[in-house]
């Protein structure tokens, strides 16, 4: 039983380290604004509305591009500081 607990702790520690070192995609704020089509004084609601409008048009489940949907999601995250 102690071996099983030890193995669980080792696996959890490895997962935790990998999660912390994961590279998060990023882009300049100007590029993010250009992708979403919002200006520099757009508030969070305008950013969310632009994201929702764009991602609904290019979502992979509707025959769109997964890469384009990913870039739109990254742009939203950059502008909302997630």
N, C-alpha and C. Protein backbone atom coordinates (compact mmCIF):
# COMPACT_ATOMS: atom_id res chain seq x y z
N UNK A 1 0.81 -1.19 0.00
CA UNK A 1 0.00 0.00 0.00
C UNK A 1 0.87 1.26 0.00
N UNK A 2 1.96 1.24 0.74
CA UNK A 2 2.85 2.39 0.81
C UNK A 2 3.48 2.65 -0.56
N UNK A 3 3.79 1.57 -1.29
CA UNK A 3 4.36 1.73 -2.63
C UNK A 3 3.37 2.42 -3.57
N UNK A 4 2.11 2.07 -3.43
CA UNK A 4 1.08 2.67 -4.28
C UNK A 4 0.92 4.16 -3.97
N UNK A 5 0.94 4.51 -2.71
CA UNK A 5 0.85 5.92 -2.33
C UNK A 5 2.07 6.69 -2.82
N UNK A 6 3.24 6.09 -2.69
CA UNK A 6 4.48 6.71 -3.16
C UNK A 6 4.43 6.94 -4.67
N UNK A 7 3.97 5.94 -5.41
CA UNK A 7 3.85 6.06 -6.86
C UNK A 7 2.87 7.17 -7.23
N UNK A 8 1.76 7.26 -6.50
CA UNK A 8 0.79 8.33 -6.75
C UNK A 8 1.39 9.70 -6.52
N UNK A 9 2.18 9.85 -5.47
CA UNK A 9 2.83 11.13 -5.20
C UNK A 9 3.84 11.49 -6.28
N UNK A 10 4.58 10.51 -6.75
CA UNK A 10 5.55 10.75 -7.82
C UNK A 10 4.83 11.17 -9.10
N UNK A 11 3.77 10.49 -9.46
CA UNK A 11 3.02 10.84 -10.67
C UNK A 11 2.40 12.22 -10.55
N UNK A 12 1.85 12.54 -9.37
CA UNK A 12 1.26 13.86 -9.18
C UNK A 12 2.33 14.94 -9.28
N UNK A 13 3.49 14.71 -8.71
CA UNK A 13 4.58 15.68 -8.79
C UNK A 13 5.02 15.91 -10.23
N UNK A 14 5.11 14.85 -11.02
CA UNK A 14 5.47 14.98 -12.43
C UNK A 14 4.43 15.76 -13.21
N UNK A 15 3.17 15.46 -12.94
CA UNK A 15 2.10 16.19 -13.62
C UNK A 15 2.14 17.67 -13.25
N UNK A 16 2.38 17.96 -11.99
CA UNK A 16 2.42 19.34 -11.53
C UNK A 16 3.54 20.11 -12.20
N UNK A 17 4.72 19.48 -12.32
CA UNK A 17 5.85 20.14 -12.98
C UNK A 17 5.57 20.38 -14.46
N UNK A 18 4.99 19.41 -15.13
CA UNK A 18 4.66 19.58 -16.55
C UNK A 18 3.63 20.67 -16.75
N UNK A 19 2.66 20.74 -15.86
CA UNK A 19 1.63 21.77 -15.97
C UNK A 19 2.22 23.16 -15.80
N UNK A 20 3.15 23.32 -14.89
CA UNK A 20 3.78 24.61 -14.64
C UNK A 20 4.67 25.04 -15.79
N UNK A 21 5.30 24.06 -16.48
CA UNK A 21 6.24 24.42 -17.53
C UNK A 21 5.59 24.44 -18.91
N UNK A 22 4.29 24.23 -18.98
CA UNK A 22 3.62 24.23 -20.28
C UNK A 22 3.73 25.61 -20.92
N UNK A 23 4.03 25.62 -22.19
CA UNK A 23 4.17 26.88 -22.92
C UNK A 23 2.79 27.37 -23.30
N UNK A 24 2.47 28.54 -22.88
CA UNK A 24 1.19 29.13 -23.22
C UNK A 24 1.36 30.00 -24.47
N UNK A 25 0.51 29.78 -25.47
CA UNK A 25 0.63 30.58 -26.68
C UNK A 25 0.35 32.05 -26.38
N UNK A 26 1.08 32.91 -27.04
CA UNK A 26 0.90 34.33 -26.82
C UNK A 26 1.07 35.07 -28.14
N UNK A 27 0.63 36.30 -28.16
CA UNK A 27 0.77 37.15 -29.34
C UNK A 27 0.76 38.59 -28.87
N UNK A 28 1.29 39.49 -29.67
CA UNK A 28 1.24 40.91 -29.29
C UNK A 28 -0.20 41.40 -29.21
N UNK A 29 -0.42 42.38 -28.36
CA UNK A 29 -1.77 42.90 -28.16
C UNK A 29 -2.33 43.51 -29.45
N UNK A 30 -1.49 44.14 -30.24
CA UNK A 30 -1.96 44.75 -31.49
C UNK A 30 -2.46 43.67 -32.46
N UNK A 31 -1.77 42.55 -32.52
CA UNK A 31 -2.20 41.46 -33.39
C UNK A 31 -3.52 40.87 -32.88
N UNK A 32 -3.65 40.75 -31.57
CA UNK A 32 -4.88 40.22 -30.99
C UNK A 32 -6.07 41.13 -31.32
N UNK A 33 -5.85 42.44 -31.23
CA UNK A 33 -6.92 43.38 -31.56
C UNK A 33 -7.28 43.30 -33.05
N UNK A 34 -6.28 43.11 -33.90
CA UNK A 34 -6.55 43.00 -35.33
C UNK A 34 -7.33 41.72 -35.64
N UNK A 35 -7.01 40.64 -34.98
CA UNK A 35 -7.71 39.38 -35.22
C UNK A 35 -9.18 39.50 -34.82
N UNK A 36 -9.43 40.09 -33.66
CA UNK A 36 -10.81 40.21 -33.20
C UNK A 36 -11.54 41.40 -33.81
N UNK A 37 -10.80 42.33 -34.39
CA UNK A 37 -11.42 43.48 -35.03
C UNK A 37 -11.96 44.50 -34.04
N UNK A 38 -11.28 44.65 -32.91
CA UNK A 38 -11.70 45.64 -31.91
C UNK A 38 -10.63 46.72 -31.80
N UNK A 39 -11.04 47.91 -31.37
CA UNK A 39 -10.07 48.99 -31.24
C UNK A 39 -9.44 48.99 -29.84
N UNK A 40 -8.55 49.93 -29.62
CA UNK A 40 -7.76 49.93 -28.39
C UNK A 40 -8.57 50.29 -27.15
N UNK A 41 -9.73 50.91 -27.32
CA UNK A 41 -10.54 51.26 -26.15
C UNK A 41 -11.75 50.35 -25.97
N UNK A 42 -11.71 49.16 -26.57
CA UNK A 42 -12.81 48.20 -26.43
C UNK A 42 -12.82 47.63 -25.02
N UNK A 43 -14.00 47.52 -24.45
CA UNK A 43 -14.11 46.96 -23.12
C UNK A 43 -14.25 45.43 -23.20
N UNK A 44 -14.33 44.79 -22.05
CA UNK A 44 -14.38 43.33 -21.99
C UNK A 44 -15.61 42.78 -22.69
N UNK A 45 -16.74 43.47 -22.59
CA UNK A 45 -17.95 42.99 -23.25
C UNK A 45 -17.81 43.03 -24.77
N UNK A 46 -17.19 44.07 -25.31
CA UNK A 46 -16.98 44.17 -26.75
C UNK A 46 -16.02 43.08 -27.23
N UNK A 47 -15.00 42.78 -26.43
CA UNK A 47 -14.04 41.73 -26.78
C UNK A 47 -14.74 40.38 -26.79
N UNK A 48 -15.55 40.12 -25.77
CA UNK A 48 -16.27 38.84 -25.71
C UNK A 48 -17.27 38.71 -26.87
N UNK A 49 -17.94 39.80 -27.23
CA UNK A 49 -18.91 39.76 -28.32
C UNK A 49 -18.21 39.49 -29.66
N UNK A 50 -17.06 40.13 -29.87
CA UNK A 50 -16.31 39.90 -31.11
C UNK A 50 -15.81 38.46 -31.16
N UNK A 51 -15.33 37.96 -30.03
CA UNK A 51 -14.86 36.57 -29.97
C UNK A 51 -16.00 35.61 -30.29
N UNK A 52 -17.15 35.82 -29.67
CA UNK A 52 -18.29 34.93 -29.88
C UNK A 52 -18.72 34.94 -31.35
N UNK A 53 -18.76 36.13 -31.94
CA UNK A 53 -19.17 36.25 -33.34
C UNK A 53 -18.21 35.52 -34.27
N UNK A 54 -16.91 35.72 -34.05
CA UNK A 54 -15.91 35.12 -34.93
C UNK A 54 -15.81 33.61 -34.75
N UNK A 55 -15.78 33.16 -33.50
CA UNK A 55 -15.57 31.74 -33.27
C UNK A 55 -16.79 30.92 -33.71
N UNK A 56 -17.97 31.52 -33.68
CA UNK A 56 -19.14 30.79 -34.15
C UNK A 56 -19.08 30.57 -35.66
N UNK A 57 -18.39 31.44 -36.37
CA UNK A 57 -18.27 31.30 -37.82
C UNK A 57 -17.18 30.33 -38.23
N UNK A 58 -16.14 30.17 -37.42
CA UNK A 58 -15.00 29.34 -37.84
C UNK A 58 -14.79 28.11 -36.95
N UNK A 59 -15.77 27.78 -36.13
CA UNK A 59 -15.62 26.64 -35.22
C UNK A 59 -15.45 25.35 -36.02
N UNK A 60 -14.53 24.47 -35.60
CA UNK A 60 -14.29 23.22 -36.32
C UNK A 60 -15.52 22.32 -36.42
N UNK A 61 -16.42 22.38 -35.46
CA UNK A 61 -17.64 21.57 -35.53
C UNK A 61 -18.57 22.03 -36.64
N UNK A 62 -18.35 23.24 -37.12
CA UNK A 62 -19.18 23.76 -38.22
C UNK A 62 -18.40 23.81 -39.53
N UNK A 63 -17.33 23.04 -39.61
CA UNK A 63 -16.55 22.96 -40.84
C UNK A 63 -15.46 24.01 -40.95
N UNK A 64 -15.17 24.70 -39.88
CA UNK A 64 -14.14 25.74 -39.90
C UNK A 64 -12.77 25.19 -39.57
N UNK A 65 -11.83 26.07 -39.43
CA UNK A 65 -10.44 25.72 -39.19
C UNK A 65 -10.14 25.69 -37.70
N UNK A 66 -9.54 24.60 -37.24
CA UNK A 66 -9.16 24.49 -35.82
C UNK A 66 -8.07 25.50 -35.48
N UNK A 67 -7.15 25.73 -36.40
CA UNK A 67 -6.06 26.68 -36.15
C UNK A 67 -6.58 28.10 -36.03
N UNK A 68 -7.52 28.47 -36.88
CA UNK A 68 -8.09 29.81 -36.81
C UNK A 68 -8.89 30.00 -35.52
N UNK A 69 -9.63 28.99 -35.13
CA UNK A 69 -10.37 29.06 -33.86
C UNK A 69 -9.40 29.19 -32.69
N UNK A 70 -8.27 28.50 -32.74
CA UNK A 70 -7.26 28.59 -31.68
C UNK A 70 -6.70 30.00 -31.60
N UNK A 71 -6.40 30.60 -32.76
CA UNK A 71 -5.85 31.96 -32.76
C UNK A 71 -6.86 32.97 -32.23
N UNK A 72 -8.12 32.78 -32.53
CA UNK A 72 -9.16 33.67 -32.01
C UNK A 72 -9.25 33.52 -30.49
N UNK A 73 -9.17 32.30 -29.99
CA UNK A 73 -9.20 32.08 -28.54
C UNK A 73 -7.98 32.69 -27.85
N UNK A 74 -6.81 32.57 -28.46
CA UNK A 74 -5.60 33.16 -27.88
C UNK A 74 -5.72 34.68 -27.87
N UNK A 75 -6.25 35.25 -28.94
CA UNK A 75 -6.43 36.71 -29.00
C UNK A 75 -7.36 37.18 -27.89
N UNK A 76 -8.45 36.46 -27.66
CA UNK A 76 -9.35 36.82 -26.56
C UNK A 76 -8.63 36.75 -25.22
N UNK A 77 -7.87 35.68 -25.02
CA UNK A 77 -7.16 35.52 -23.74
C UNK A 77 -6.13 36.61 -23.53
N UNK A 78 -5.43 37.04 -24.59
CA UNK A 78 -4.44 38.09 -24.47
C UNK A 78 -5.12 39.40 -24.09
N UNK A 79 -6.22 39.72 -24.73
CA UNK A 79 -6.89 40.99 -24.47
C UNK A 79 -7.61 41.01 -23.12
N UNK A 80 -8.06 39.85 -22.66
CA UNK A 80 -8.72 39.79 -21.35
C UNK A 80 -7.74 39.44 -20.24
N UNK A 81 -6.46 39.36 -20.58
CA UNK A 81 -5.38 39.09 -19.62
C UNK A 81 -5.58 37.80 -18.85
N UNK A 82 -5.91 36.73 -19.58
CA UNK A 82 -6.09 35.43 -18.93
C UNK A 82 -4.81 34.66 -18.90
